[in-house]
Amino acid sequence: MQINVADLFKKMEDMDNLLENAFAFTESLYYLEKMCPEHGVGERNLILQRYTCWKCGKLLKKGKSFLK
């Protein structure tokens, strides 16, 4: 079995880009404070028009995304 090193590096680069994008997305959620530090992603509370934690009910602040 032959391994093409150029293809291997291309696949590694593609995977690295995917991981960077996933990290940036997660980081943006933390920055926007739509994630509860203890329980994970919050959900939009339609009555309060704010994000709240699905488990503890903590209100999560709205912020400005650094990605915009």
PDB file of N, CA and C in Angstrom:
ATOM      1  N   MET A   1       0.844  -1.187   0.000  1.00  0.00           N
ATOM      2  CA  MET A   1       0.000   0.000   0.000  1.00  0.00           C
ATOM      3  C   MET A   1       0.883   1.242   0.000  1.00  0.00           C
ATOM      4  N   GLN A   2       0.630   2.105  -0.945  1.00  0.00           N
ATOM      5  CA  GLN A   2       1.391   3.346  -1.030  1.00  0.00           C
ATOM      6  C   GLN A   2       0.584   4.488  -0.432  1.00  0.00           C
ATOM      7  N   ILE A   3       1.280   5.345   0.258  1.00  0.00           N
ATOM      8  CA  ILE A   3       0.649   6.527   0.835  1.00  0.00           C
ATOM      9  C   ILE A   3       1.206   7.748   0.120  1.00  0.00           C
ATOM     10  N   ASN A   4       0.322   8.521  -0.447  1.00  0.00           N
ATOM     11  CA  ASN A   4       0.723   9.756  -1.103  1.00  0.00           C
ATOM     12  C   ASN A   4       0.831  10.832  -0.018  1.00  0.00           C
ATOM     13  N   VAL A   5       2.046  11.287   0.212  1.00  0.00           N
ATOM     14  CA  VAL A   5       2.297  12.240   1.288  1.00  0.00           C
ATOM     15  C   VAL A   5       1.562  13.560   1.044  1.00  0.00           C
ATOM     16  N   ALA A   6       1.496  13.999  -0.188  1.00  0.00           N
ATOM     17  CA  ALA A   6       0.797  15.253  -0.499  1.00  0.00           C
ATOM     18  C   ALA A   6      -0.686  15.148  -0.140  1.00  0.00           C
ATOM     19  N   ASP A   7      -1.314  14.004  -0.478  1.00  0.00           N
ATOM     20  CA  ASP A   7      -2.722  13.803  -0.118  1.00  0.00           C
ATOM     21  C   ASP A   7      -2.901  13.745   1.392  1.00  0.00           C
ATOM     22  N   LEU A   8      -1.956  13.100   2.057  1.00  0.00           N
ATOM     23  CA  LEU A   8      -2.022  13.001   3.515  1.00  0.00           C
ATOM     24  C   LEU A   8      -1.954  14.380   4.157  1.00  0.00           C
ATOM     25  N   PHE A   9      -1.027  15.220   3.682  1.00  0.00           N
ATOM     26  CA  PHE A   9      -0.923  16.573   4.227  1.00  0.00           C
ATOM     27  C   PHE A   9      -2.172  17.398   3.925  1.00  0.00           C
ATOM     28  N   LYS A  10      -2.748  17.206   2.732  1.00  0.00           N
ATOM     29  CA  LYS A  10      -3.976  17.925   2.377  1.00  0.00           C
ATOM     30  C   LYS A  10      -5.117  17.523   3.308  1.00  0.00           C
ATOM     31  N   LYS A  11      -5.243  16.220   3.583  1.00  0.00           N
ATOM     32  CA  LYS A  11      -6.290  15.750   4.495  1.00  0.00           C
ATOM     33  C   LYS A  11      -6.066  16.277   5.907  1.00  0.00           C
ATOM     34  N   MET A  12      -4.801  16.318   6.336  1.00  0.00           N
ATOM     35  CA  MET A  12      -4.493  16.850   7.666  1.00  0.00           C
ATOM     36  C   MET A  12      -4.836  18.334   7.743  1.00  0.00           C
ATOM     37  N   GLU A  13      -4.547  19.071   6.673  1.00  0.00           N
ATOM     38  CA  GLU A  13      -4.861  20.502   6.639  1.00  0.00           C
ATOM     39  C   GLU A  13      -6.375  20.723   6.669  1.00  0.00           C
ATOM     40  N   ASP A  14      -7.124  19.923   5.907  1.00  0.00           N
ATOM     41  CA  ASP A  14      -8.586  20.032   5.908  1.00  0.00           C
ATOM     42  C   ASP A  14      -9.147  19.757   7.299  1.00  0.00           C
ATOM     43  N   MET A  15      -8.623  18.740   7.967  1.00  0.00           N
ATOM     44  CA  MET A  15      -9.093  18.407   9.311  1.00  0.00           C
ATOM     45  C   MET A  15      -8.763  19.532  10.284  1.00  0.00           C
ATOM     46  N   ASP A  16      -7.581  20.121  10.147  1.00  0.00           N
ATOM     47  CA  ASP A  16      -7.184  21.228  11.008  1.00  0.00           C
ATOM     48  C   ASP A  16      -8.120  22.412  10.813  1.00  0.00           C
ATOM     49  N   ASN A  17      -8.505  22.698   9.563  1.00  0.00           N
ATOM     50  CA  ASN A  17      -9.439  23.794   9.287  1.00  0.00           C
ATOM     51  C   ASN A  17     -10.796  23.524   9.920  1.00  0.00           C
ATOM     52  N   LEU A  18     -11.265  22.279   9.855  1.00  0.00           N
ATOM     53  CA  LEU A  18     -12.540  21.933  10.484  1.00  0.00           C
ATOM     54  C   LEU A  18     -12.484  22.152  11.984  1.00  0.00           C
ATOM     55  N   LEU A  19     -11.387  21.744  12.611  1.00  0.00           N
ATOM     56  CA  LEU A  19     -11.246  21.919  14.055  1.00  0.00           C
ATOM     57  C   LEU A  19     -11.183  23.394  14.425  1.00  0.00           C
ATOM     58  N   GLU A  20     -10.483  24.196  13.628  1.00  0.00           N
ATOM     59  CA  GLU A  20     -10.415  25.637  13.893  1.00  0.00           C
ATOM     60  C   GLU A  20     -11.793  26.273  13.785  1.00  0.00           C
ATOM     61  N   ASN A  21     -12.571  25.885  12.777  1.00  0.00           N
ATOM     62  CA  ASN A  21     -13.924  26.426  12.614  1.00  0.00           C
ATOM     63  C   ASN A  21     -14.817  26.020  13.773  1.00  0.00           C
ATOM     64  N   ALA A  22     -14.723  24.768  14.203  1.00  0.00           N
ATOM     65  CA  ALA A  22     -15.531  24.301  15.333  1.00  0.00           C
ATOM     66  C   ALA A  22     -15.151  25.060  16.595  1.00  0.00           C
ATOM     67  N   PHE A  23     -13.858  25.293  16.808  1.00  0.00           N
ATOM     68  CA  PHE A  23     -13.412  26.035  17.982  1.00  0.00           C
ATOM     69  C   PHE A  23     -13.909  27.471  17.933  1.00  0.00           C
ATOM     70  N   ALA A  24     -13.828  28.106  16.767  1.00  0.00           N
ATOM     71  CA  ALA A  24     -14.285  29.489  16.628  1.00  0.00           C
ATOM     72  C   ALA A  24     -15.781  29.593  16.907  1.00  0.00           C
ATOM     73  N   PHE A  25     -16.559  28.602  16.434  1.00  0.00           N
ATOM     74  CA  PHE A  25     -18.000  28.605  16.682  1.00  0.00           C
ATOM     75  C   PHE A  25     -18.284  28.474  18.172  1.00  0.00           C
ATOM     76  N   THR A  26     -17.607  27.530  18.832  1.00  0.00           N
ATOM     77  CA  THR A  26     -17.803  27.335  20.270  1.00  0.00           C
ATOM     78  C   THR A  26     -17.361  28.569  21.037  1.00  0.00           C
ATOM     79  N   GLU A  27     -16.223  29.140  20.641  1.00  0.00           N
ATOM     80  CA  GLU A  27     -15.724  30.337  21.304  1.00  0.00           C
ATOM     81  C   GLU A  27     -16.713  31.489  21.144  1.00  0.00           C
ATOM     82  N   SER A  28     -17.345  31.602  19.980  1.00  0.00           N
ATOM     83  CA  SER A  28     -18.313  32.678  19.769  1.00  0.00           C
ATOM     84  C   SER A  28     -19.535  32.489  20.651  1.00  0.00           C
ATOM     85  N   LEU A  29     -19.951  31.237  20.880  1.00  0.00           N
ATOM     86  CA  LEU A  29     -21.080  31.002  21.777  1.00  0.00           C
ATOM     87  C   LEU A  29     -20.732  31.416  23.201  1.00  0.00           C
ATOM     88  N   TYR A  30     -19.516  31.097  23.648  1.00  0.00           N
ATOM     89  CA  TYR A  30     -19.108  31.521  24.982  1.00  0.00           C
ATOM     90  C   TYR A  30     -19.051  33.037  25.068  1.00  0.00           C
ATOM     91  N   TYR A  31     -18.529  33.683  24.008  1.00  0.00           N
ATOM     92  CA  TYR A  31     -18.432  35.137  24.014  1.00  0.00           C
ATOM     93  C   TYR A  31     -19.822  35.758  24.092  1.00  0.00           C
ATOM     94  N   LEU A  32     -20.765  35.180  23.378  1.00  0.00           N
ATOM     95  CA  LEU A  32     -22.131  35.701  23.404  1.00  0.00           C
ATOM     96  C   LEU A  32     -22.857  35.317  24.682  1.00  0.00           C
ATOM     97  N   GLU A  33     -22.202  34.487  25.507  1.00  0.00           N
ATOM     98  CA  GLU A  33     -22.755  34.023  26.775  1.00  0.00           C
ATOM     99  C   GLU A  33     -24.089  33.319  26.576  1.00  0.00           C
ATOM    100  N   LYS A  34     -24.181  32.536  25.504  1.00  0.00           N
ATOM    101  CA  LYS A  34     -25.361  31.722  25.273  1.00  0.00           C
ATOM    102  C   LYS A  34     -25.126  30.315  25.795  1.00  0.00           C
ATOM    103  N   MET A  35     -24.011  30.138  26.494  1.00  0.00           N
ATOM    104  CA  MET A  35     -23.713  28.833  27.064  1.00  0.00           C
ATOM    105  C   MET A  35     -23.555  28.984  28.565  1.00  0.00           C
ATOM    106  N   CYS A  36     -24.205  28.124  29.305  1.00  0.00           N
ATOM    107  CA  CYS A  36     -24.048  28.084  30.752  1.00  0.00           C
ATOM    108  C   CYS A  36     -22.732  27.360  31.044  1.00  0.00           C
ATOM    109  N   PRO A  37     -21.860  27.931  31.867  1.00  0.00           N
ATOM    110  CA  PRO A  37     -20.576  27.288  32.143  1.00  0.00           C
ATOM    111  C   PRO A  37     -20.720  25.905  32.782  1.00  0.00           C
ATOM    112  N   GLU A  38     -21.782  25.693  33.535  1.00  0.00           N
ATOM    113  CA  GLU A  38     -21.956  24.413  34.216  1.00  0.00           C
ATOM    114  C   GLU A  38     -22.676  23.375  33.361  1.00  0.00           C
ATOM    115  N   HIS A  39     -23.620  23.811  32.523  1.00  0.00           N
ATOM    116  CA  HIS A  39     -24.510  22.848  31.874  1.00  0.00           C
ATOM    117  C   HIS A  39     -24.473  22.843  30.354  1.00  0.00           C
ATOM    118  N   GLY A  40     -23.738  23.744  29.741  1.00  0.00           N
ATOM    119  CA  GLY A  40     -23.646  23.735  28.286  1.00  0.00           C
ATOM    120  C   GLY A  40     -24.551  24.760  27.626  1.00  0.00           C
ATOM    121  N   VAL A  41     -25.001  24.445  26.444  1.00  0.00           N
ATOM    122  CA  VAL A  41     -25.732  25.395  25.607  1.00  0.00           C
ATOM    123  C   VAL A  41     -27.064  25.774  26.236  1.00  0.00           C
ATOM    124  N   GLY A  42     -27.346  27.067  26.225  1.00  0.00           N
ATOM    125  CA  GLY A  42     -28.635  27.541  26.699  1.00  0.00           C
ATOM    126  C   GLY A  42     -29.662  27.480  25.584  1.00  0.00           C
ATOM    127  N   GLU A  43     -30.885  27.776  25.940  1.00  0.00           N
ATOM    128  CA  GLU A  43     -31.940  27.796  24.924  1.00  0.00           C
ATOM    129  C   GLU A  43     -32.678  29.116  25.015  1.00  0.00           C
ATOM    130  N   ARG A  44     -33.260  29.524  23.909  1.00  0.00           N
ATOM    131  CA  ARG A  44     -33.947  30.812  23.872  1.00  0.00           C
ATOM    132  C   ARG A  44     -35.277  30.711  24.609  1.00  0.00           C
ATOM    133  N   ASN A  45     -35.450  31.612  25.554  1.00  0.00           N
ATOM    134  CA  ASN A  45     -36.691  31.696  26.300  1.00  0.00           C
ATOM    135  C   ASN A  45     -37.569  32.719  25.581  1.00  0.00           C
ATOM    136  N   LEU A  46     -38.634  32.253  24.942  1.00  0.00           N
ATOM    137  CA  LEU A  46     -39.455  33.146  24.118  1.00  0.00           C
ATOM    138  C   LEU A  46     -40.222  34.168  24.947  1.00  0.00           C
ATOM    139  N   ILE A  47     -40.538  33.841  26.185  1.00  0.00           N
ATOM    140  CA  ILE A  47     -41.270  34.779  27.040  1.00  0.00           C
ATOM    141  C   ILE A  47     -40.362  35.943  27.444  1.00  0.00           C
ATOM    142  N   LEU A  48     -39.146  35.613  27.879  1.00  0.00           N
ATOM    143  CA  LEU A  48     -38.218  36.644  28.337  1.00  0.00           C
ATOM    144  C   LEU A  48     -37.389  37.244  27.209  1.00  0.00           C
ATOM    145  N   GLN A  49     -37.421  36.625  26.017  1.00  0.00           N
ATOM    146  CA  GLN A  49     -36.593  37.050  24.888  1.00  0.00           C
ATOM    147  C   GLN A  49     -35.112  37.087  25.272  1.00  0.00           C
ATOM    148  N   ARG A  50     -34.706  36.123  26.059  1.00  0.00           N
ATOM    149  CA  ARG A  50     -33.311  35.978  26.472  1.00  0.00           C
ATOM    150  C   ARG A  50     -32.950  34.511  26.387  1.00  0.00           C
ATOM    151  N   TYR A  51     -31.676  34.216  26.443  1.00  0.00           N
ATOM    152  CA  TYR A  51     -31.221  32.834  26.521  1.00  0.00           C
ATOM    153  C   TYR A  51     -31.151  32.421  27.980  1.00  0.00           C
ATOM    154  N   THR A  52     -31.648  31.240  28.264  1.00  0.00           N
ATOM    155  CA  THR A  52     -31.587  30.699  29.617  1.00  0.00           C
ATOM    156  C   THR A  52     -31.001  29.297  29.570  1.00  0.00           C
ATOM    157  N   CYS A  53     -30.398  28.893  30.688  1.00  0.00           N
ATOM    158  CA  CYS A  53     -29.873  27.535  30.788  1.00  0.00           C
ATOM    159  C   CYS A  53     -31.049  26.581  30.897  1.00  0.00           C
ATOM    160  N   TRP A  54     -30.986  25.488  30.153  1.00  0.00           N
ATOM    161  CA  TRP A  54     -32.083  24.515  30.139  1.00  0.00           C
ATOM    162  C   TRP A  54     -32.184  23.757  31.450  1.00  0.00           C
ATOM    163  N   LYS A  55     -31.105  23.743  32.245  1.00  0.00           N
ATOM    164  CA  LYS A  55     -31.115  22.948  33.466  1.00  0.00           C
ATOM    165  C   LYS A  55     -31.324  23.797  34.720  1.00  0.00           C
ATOM    166  N   CYS A  56     -30.546  24.873  34.871  1.00  0.00           N
ATOM    167  CA  CYS A  56     -30.646  25.661  36.108  1.00  0.00           C
ATOM    168  C   CYS A  56     -31.497  26.914  35.947  1.00  0.00           C
ATOM    169  N   GLY A  57     -31.886  27.263  34.709  1.00  0.00           N
ATOM    170  CA  GLY A  57     -32.745  28.424  34.489  1.00  0.00           C
ATOM    171  C   GLY A  57     -32.015  29.758  34.549  1.00  0.00           C
ATOM    172  N   LYS A  58     -30.680  29.742  34.644  1.00  0.00           N
ATOM    173  CA  LYS A  58     -29.899  30.971  34.727  1.00  0.00           C
ATOM    174  C   LYS A  58     -30.056  31.781  33.443  1.00  0.00           C
ATOM    175  N   LEU A  59     -30.283  33.092  33.595  1.00  0.00           N
ATOM    176  CA  LEU A  59     -30.350  33.984  32.437  1.00  0.00           C
ATOM    177  C   LEU A  59     -28.951  34.189  31.890  1.00  0.00           C
ATOM    178  N   LEU A  60     -28.815  34.060  30.599  1.00  0.00           N
ATOM    179  CA  LEU A  60     -27.531  34.258  29.943  1.00  0.00           C
ATOM    180  C   LEU A  60     -27.579  35.572  29.186  1.00  0.00           C
ATOM    181  N   LYS A  61     -26.550  36.373  29.334  1.00  0.00           N
ATOM    182  CA  LYS A  61     -26.532  37.716  28.755  1.00  0.00           C
ATOM    183  C   LYS A  61     -26.389  37.674  27.245  1.00  0.00           C
ATOM    184  N   LYS A  62     -26.906  38.708  26.617  1.00  0.00           N
ATOM    185  CA  LYS A  62     -26.665  38.899  25.190  1.00  0.00           C
ATOM    186  C   LYS A  62     -25.410  39.746  25.062  1.00  0.00           C
ATOM    187  N   GLY A  63     -24.625  39.453  24.058  1.00  0.00           N
ATOM    188  CA  GLY A  63     -23.418  40.233  23.829  1.00  0.00           C
ATOM    189  C   GLY A  63     -23.235  40.461  22.349  1.00  0.00           C
ATOM    190  N   LYS A  64     -22.164  41.111  21.997  1.00  0.00           N
ATOM    191  CA  LYS A  64     -21.842  41.316  20.586  1.00  0.00           C
ATOM    192  C   LYS A  64     -20.795  40.295  20.187  1.00  0.00           C
ATOM    193  N   SER A  65     -20.987  39.688  19.058  1.00  0.00           N
ATOM    194  CA  SER A  65     -20.051  38.683  18.581  1.00  0.00           C
ATOM    195  C   SER A  65     -18.812  39.357  18.024  1.00  0.00           C
ATOM    196  N   PHE A  66     -17.652  38.804  18.349  1.00  0.00           N
ATOM    197  CA  PHE A  66     -16.416  39.324  17.788  1.00  0.00           C
ATOM    198  C   PHE A  66     -16.231  38.859  16.353  1.00  0.00           C
ATOM    199  N   LEU A  67     -17.090  37.936  15.875  1.00  0.00           N
ATOM    200  CA  LEU A  67     -16.976  37.418  14.518  1.00  0.00           C
ATOM    201  C   LEU A  67     -17.612  38.345  13.494  1.00  0.00           C
ATOM    202  N   LYS A  68     -18.449  39.269  13.931  1.00  0.00           N
ATOM    203  CA  LYS A  68     -19.152  40.150  12.994  1.00  0.00           C
ATOM    204  C   LYS A  68     -18.283  41.304  12.583  1.00  0.00           C
TER     205      LYS A  68
END
